[in-house]
Amino acid sequence: MSISAGEVRHVAELARMALSDHEVEELSAQLSRILDHMETLRELPTDDVEPTAHVLPIRNVWRQDTVGESLPPDAALANAPERRGNYFLVPKIVER
């Protein structure tokens, strides 16, 4: 399967990426090779292969979510540059 230069330019535009003509040609060739490889893999018999989410036999370790001791507000805000009551005071960053 082949990825055209136009398709690479279109995706680059959607990602707001500026690519040179050389980069477009290089990416087009690389993506085409990746898709060709995927086509090769598609031909392999995978009926007896279980789906995997990770190649290593790892699993999440969960702990009980228990209430514990926390810092008092004065200690938590001791190094805050500015505070208002029991809260951090930060500059407004929303513009209209």
N, C-alpha and C. Protein backbone atom coordinates (compact mmCIF):
# COMPACT_ATOMS: atom_id res chain seq x y z
N MET A 1 0.85 -1.18 0.00
CA MET A 1 0.00 0.00 0.00
C MET A 1 0.90 1.24 0.00
N SER A 2 0.49 2.22 -0.70
CA SER A 2 1.31 3.41 -0.87
C SER A 2 0.61 4.63 -0.28
N ILE A 3 1.37 5.43 0.42
CA ILE A 3 0.87 6.70 0.96
C ILE A 3 1.40 7.81 0.06
N SER A 4 0.52 8.60 -0.47
CA SER A 4 0.95 9.65 -1.39
C SER A 4 1.48 10.86 -0.64
N ALA A 5 2.22 11.68 -1.34
CA ALA A 5 2.74 12.92 -0.76
C ALA A 5 1.58 13.83 -0.36
N GLY A 6 0.50 13.81 -1.15
CA GLY A 6 -0.67 14.63 -0.82
C GLY A 6 -1.30 14.21 0.50
N GLU A 7 -1.36 12.89 0.74
CA GLU A 7 -1.91 12.42 2.01
C GLU A 7 -1.02 12.82 3.19
N VAL A 8 0.28 12.76 3.01
CA VAL A 8 1.20 13.19 4.07
C VAL A 8 1.03 14.68 4.33
N ARG A 9 0.92 15.47 3.27
CA ARG A 9 0.72 16.93 3.44
C ARG A 9 -0.59 17.21 4.15
N HIS A 10 -1.64 16.46 3.82
CA HIS A 10 -2.94 16.65 4.45
C HIS A 10 -2.87 16.37 5.95
N VAL A 11 -2.26 15.25 6.32
CA VAL A 11 -2.14 14.90 7.74
C VAL A 11 -1.25 15.92 8.45
N ALA A 12 -0.18 16.36 7.80
CA ALA A 12 0.70 17.37 8.39
C ALA A 12 -0.06 18.67 8.63
N GLU A 13 -0.92 19.02 7.70
CA GLU A 13 -1.73 20.24 7.87
C GLU A 13 -2.69 20.08 9.05
N LEU A 14 -3.32 18.92 9.18
CA LEU A 14 -4.22 18.68 10.31
C LEU A 14 -3.47 18.76 11.64
N ALA A 15 -2.21 18.31 11.64
CA ALA A 15 -1.38 18.34 12.85
C ALA A 15 -0.66 19.68 13.02
N ARG A 16 -0.92 20.59 12.09
CA ARG A 16 -0.29 21.91 12.09
C ARG A 16 1.24 21.79 12.10
N MET A 17 1.72 20.92 11.23
CA MET A 17 3.16 20.70 11.07
C MET A 17 3.61 21.25 9.73
N ALA A 18 4.70 21.96 9.74
CA ALA A 18 5.28 22.46 8.49
C ALA A 18 6.36 21.48 8.06
N LEU A 19 6.17 20.84 6.92
CA LEU A 19 7.15 19.87 6.41
C LEU A 19 7.74 20.36 5.10
N SER A 20 9.03 20.14 4.93
CA SER A 20 9.67 20.47 3.66
C SER A 20 9.31 19.38 2.64
N ASP A 21 9.56 19.65 1.37
CA ASP A 21 9.29 18.65 0.33
C ASP A 21 10.08 17.37 0.58
N HIS A 22 11.32 17.51 1.06
CA HIS A 22 12.15 16.35 1.36
C HIS A 22 11.53 15.52 2.48
N GLU A 23 11.04 16.20 3.53
CA GLU A 23 10.42 15.49 4.65
C GLU A 23 9.15 14.77 4.21
N VAL A 24 8.37 15.41 3.35
CA VAL A 24 7.14 14.80 2.85
C VAL A 24 7.46 13.52 2.09
N GLU A 25 8.44 13.57 1.21
CA GLU A 25 8.83 12.39 0.44
C GLU A 25 9.36 11.29 1.34
N GLU A 26 10.17 11.68 2.33
CA GLU A 26 10.75 10.70 3.26
C GLU A 26 9.66 10.03 4.09
N LEU A 27 8.74 10.83 4.62
CA LEU A 27 7.64 10.28 5.43
C LEU A 27 6.72 9.41 4.58
N SER A 28 6.47 9.81 3.36
CA SER A 28 5.62 9.02 2.47
C SER A 28 6.22 7.63 2.27
N ALA A 29 7.53 7.58 2.04
CA ALA A 29 8.21 6.29 1.84
C ALA A 29 8.19 5.46 3.12
N GLN A 30 8.46 6.09 4.26
CA GLN A 30 8.49 5.37 5.53
C GLN A 30 7.11 4.82 5.88
N LEU A 31 6.08 5.64 5.74
CA LEU A 31 4.72 5.18 6.06
C LEU A 31 4.27 4.07 5.12
N SER A 32 4.67 4.16 3.86
CA SER A 32 4.33 3.11 2.90
C SER A 32 4.98 1.79 3.29
N ARG A 33 6.24 1.84 3.74
CA ARG A 33 6.93 0.62 4.19
C ARG A 33 6.26 0.03 5.42
N ILE A 34 5.80 0.89 6.34
CA ILE A 34 5.11 0.41 7.54
C ILE A 34 3.82 -0.30 7.14
N LEU A 35 3.05 0.29 6.25
CA LEU A 35 1.80 -0.34 5.81
C LEU A 35 2.05 -1.64 5.06
N ASP A 36 3.12 -1.68 4.27
CA ASP A 36 3.47 -2.93 3.58
C ASP A 36 3.81 -4.02 4.60
N HIS A 37 4.51 -3.66 5.63
CA HIS A 37 4.85 -4.63 6.67
C HIS A 37 3.59 -5.12 7.38
N MET A 38 2.65 -4.23 7.64
CA MET A 38 1.39 -4.63 8.28
C MET A 38 0.62 -5.60 7.39
N GLU A 39 0.66 -5.39 6.08
CA GLU A 39 0.01 -6.32 5.15
C GLU A 39 0.65 -7.70 5.23
N THR A 40 1.98 -7.73 5.37
CA THR A 40 2.69 -9.00 5.51
C THR A 40 2.25 -9.70 6.80
N LEU A 41 2.15 -8.95 7.88
CA LEU A 41 1.73 -9.52 9.16
C LEU A 41 0.29 -10.03 9.10
N ARG A 42 -0.54 -9.38 8.31
CA ARG A 42 -1.95 -9.78 8.19
C ARG A 42 -2.09 -11.19 7.60
N GLU A 43 -1.10 -11.62 6.84
CA GLU A 43 -1.14 -12.94 6.21
C GLU A 43 -0.79 -14.07 7.17
N LEU A 44 -0.24 -13.74 8.33
CA LEU A 44 0.15 -14.77 9.30
C LEU A 44 -1.07 -15.38 9.99
N PRO A 45 -1.02 -16.69 10.30
CA PRO A 45 -2.14 -17.32 11.01
C PRO A 45 -2.11 -16.91 12.49
N THR A 46 -3.15 -16.23 12.92
CA THR A 46 -3.20 -15.76 14.31
C THR A 46 -4.43 -16.27 15.05
N ASP A 47 -5.07 -17.30 14.53
CA ASP A 47 -6.29 -17.80 15.15
C ASP A 47 -6.06 -18.29 16.58
N ASP A 48 -4.91 -18.91 16.85
CA ASP A 48 -4.64 -19.46 18.17
C ASP A 48 -3.84 -18.52 19.06
N VAL A 49 -3.70 -17.27 18.67
CA VAL A 49 -2.93 -16.31 19.46
C VAL A 49 -3.90 -15.45 20.27
N GLU A 50 -3.69 -15.45 21.59
CA GLU A 50 -4.56 -14.63 22.44
C GLU A 50 -4.20 -13.15 22.30
N PRO A 51 -5.21 -12.29 22.34
CA PRO A 51 -4.92 -10.85 22.28
C PRO A 51 -4.13 -10.44 23.52
N THR A 52 -3.21 -9.52 23.33
CA THR A 52 -2.41 -9.03 24.45
C THR A 52 -2.43 -7.52 24.47
N ALA A 53 -2.33 -6.98 25.67
CA ALA A 53 -2.24 -5.53 25.82
C ALA A 53 -0.80 -5.11 26.05
N HIS A 54 0.04 -6.09 26.44
CA HIS A 54 1.44 -5.79 26.73
C HIS A 54 2.26 -7.03 26.45
N VAL A 55 3.48 -6.85 26.00
CA VAL A 55 4.29 -8.01 25.66
C VAL A 55 4.89 -8.69 26.88
N LEU A 56 4.96 -7.99 28.00
CA LEU A 56 5.51 -8.57 29.22
C LEU A 56 4.38 -9.01 30.14
N PRO A 57 4.61 -10.04 30.94
CA PRO A 57 3.56 -10.51 31.85
C PRO A 57 3.45 -9.62 33.10
N ILE A 58 2.92 -8.41 32.91
CA ILE A 58 2.78 -7.49 34.04
C ILE A 58 1.30 -7.30 34.35
N ARG A 59 1.02 -6.85 35.54
CA ARG A 59 -0.36 -6.55 35.90
C ARG A 59 -0.36 -5.42 36.92
N ASN A 60 -1.45 -4.72 37.00
CA ASN A 60 -1.56 -3.62 37.95
C ASN A 60 -1.59 -4.16 39.37
N VAL A 61 -0.96 -3.43 40.25
CA VAL A 61 -1.00 -3.77 41.67
C VAL A 61 -1.89 -2.73 42.33
N TRP A 62 -2.96 -3.19 42.91
CA TRP A 62 -3.93 -2.30 43.53
C TRP A 62 -3.77 -2.33 45.04
N ARG A 63 -4.00 -1.21 45.68
CA ARG A 63 -4.00 -1.17 47.14
C ARG A 63 -5.34 -0.60 47.59
N GLN A 64 -5.66 -0.85 48.82
CA GLN A 64 -6.89 -0.31 49.37
C GLN A 64 -6.81 1.21 49.42
N ASP A 65 -7.88 1.86 49.07
CA ASP A 65 -7.96 3.31 49.15
C ASP A 65 -8.49 3.66 50.53
N THR A 66 -7.59 4.00 51.42
CA THR A 66 -7.99 4.27 52.80
C THR A 66 -7.70 5.73 53.14
N VAL A 67 -8.49 6.26 54.02
CA VAL A 67 -8.31 7.63 54.48
C VAL A 67 -7.11 7.65 55.42
N GLY A 68 -6.22 8.58 55.21
CA GLY A 68 -5.03 8.69 56.05
C GLY A 68 -4.87 10.11 56.56
N GLU A 69 -3.82 10.28 57.30
CA GLU A 69 -3.54 11.59 57.86
C GLU A 69 -3.04 12.52 56.75
N SER A 70 -3.46 13.77 56.76
CA SER A 70 -3.01 14.73 55.76
C SER A 70 -2.46 15.96 56.45
N LEU A 71 -1.79 16.79 55.66
CA LEU A 71 -1.20 18.00 56.21
C LEU A 71 -2.28 19.01 56.59
N PRO A 72 -2.07 19.74 57.66
CA PRO A 72 -3.00 20.85 57.95
C PRO A 72 -2.80 21.94 56.90
N PRO A 73 -3.82 22.72 56.59
CA PRO A 73 -3.72 23.74 55.54
C PRO A 73 -2.53 24.69 55.72
N ASP A 74 -2.21 25.11 56.94
CA ASP A 74 -1.10 26.04 57.12
C ASP A 74 0.23 25.41 56.71
N ALA A 75 0.42 24.12 57.00
CA ALA A 75 1.66 23.45 56.61
C ALA A 75 1.71 23.23 55.10
N ALA A 76 0.58 22.88 54.49
CA ALA A 76 0.53 22.64 53.05
C ALA A 76 0.78 23.92 52.26
N LEU A 77 0.34 25.06 52.79
CA LEU A 77 0.46 26.33 52.09
C LEU A 77 1.64 27.17 52.58
N ALA A 78 2.49 26.59 53.40
CA ALA A 78 3.59 27.36 54.00
C ALA A 78 4.51 27.97 52.95
N ASN A 79 4.77 27.29 51.84
CA ASN A 79 5.68 27.81 50.82
C ASN A 79 4.96 28.40 49.62
N ALA A 80 3.65 28.56 49.72
CA ALA A 80 2.89 29.12 48.59
C ALA A 80 3.26 30.59 48.41
N PRO A 81 3.50 31.02 47.17
CA PRO A 81 3.82 32.43 46.95
C PRO A 81 2.68 33.35 47.38
N GLU A 82 1.46 32.90 47.12
CA GLU A 82 0.28 33.67 47.55
C GLU A 82 -0.82 32.69 47.93
N ARG A 83 -1.62 33.10 48.87
CA ARG A 83 -2.74 32.25 49.27
C ARG A 83 -3.93 33.13 49.65
N ARG A 84 -5.10 32.53 49.56
CA ARG A 84 -6.32 33.20 50.00
C ARG A 84 -7.05 32.18 50.87
N GLY A 85 -7.04 32.42 52.16
CA GLY A 85 -7.65 31.47 53.09
C GLY A 85 -6.88 30.16 53.06
N ASN A 86 -7.57 29.07 52.82
CA ASN A 86 -6.96 27.75 52.77
C ASN A 86 -6.67 27.29 51.34
N TYR A 87 -6.50 28.23 50.40
CA TYR A 87 -6.31 27.88 49.00
C TYR A 87 -5.09 28.58 48.42
N PHE A 88 -4.47 27.94 47.40
CA PHE A 88 -3.42 28.59 46.64
C PHE A 88 -4.05 29.69 45.81
N LEU A 89 -3.40 30.84 45.71
CA LEU A 89 -3.88 31.92 44.86
C LEU A 89 -2.98 31.95 43.63
N VAL A 90 -3.58 31.75 42.47
CA VAL A 90 -2.82 31.71 41.22
C VAL A 90 -3.34 32.79 40.28
N PRO A 91 -2.50 33.26 39.37
CA PRO A 91 -2.96 34.31 38.44
C PRO A 91 -3.99 33.74 37.46
N LYS A 92 -4.93 34.59 37.09
CA LYS A 92 -5.95 34.20 36.12
C LYS A 92 -5.31 34.08 34.74
N ILE A 93 -5.58 32.98 34.04
CA ILE A 93 -4.97 32.79 32.73
C ILE A 93 -6.00 32.70 31.60
N VAL A 94 -7.27 32.80 31.92
CA VAL A 94 -8.31 32.69 30.91
C VAL A 94 -8.48 34.06 30.25
N GLU A 95 -8.45 34.07 28.91
CA GLU A 95 -8.64 35.30 28.18
C GLU A 95 -10.00 35.30 27.51
N ARG A 96 -10.50 36.46 27.23
CA ARG A 96 -11.80 36.56 26.54
C ARG A 96 -11.60 36.88 25.10
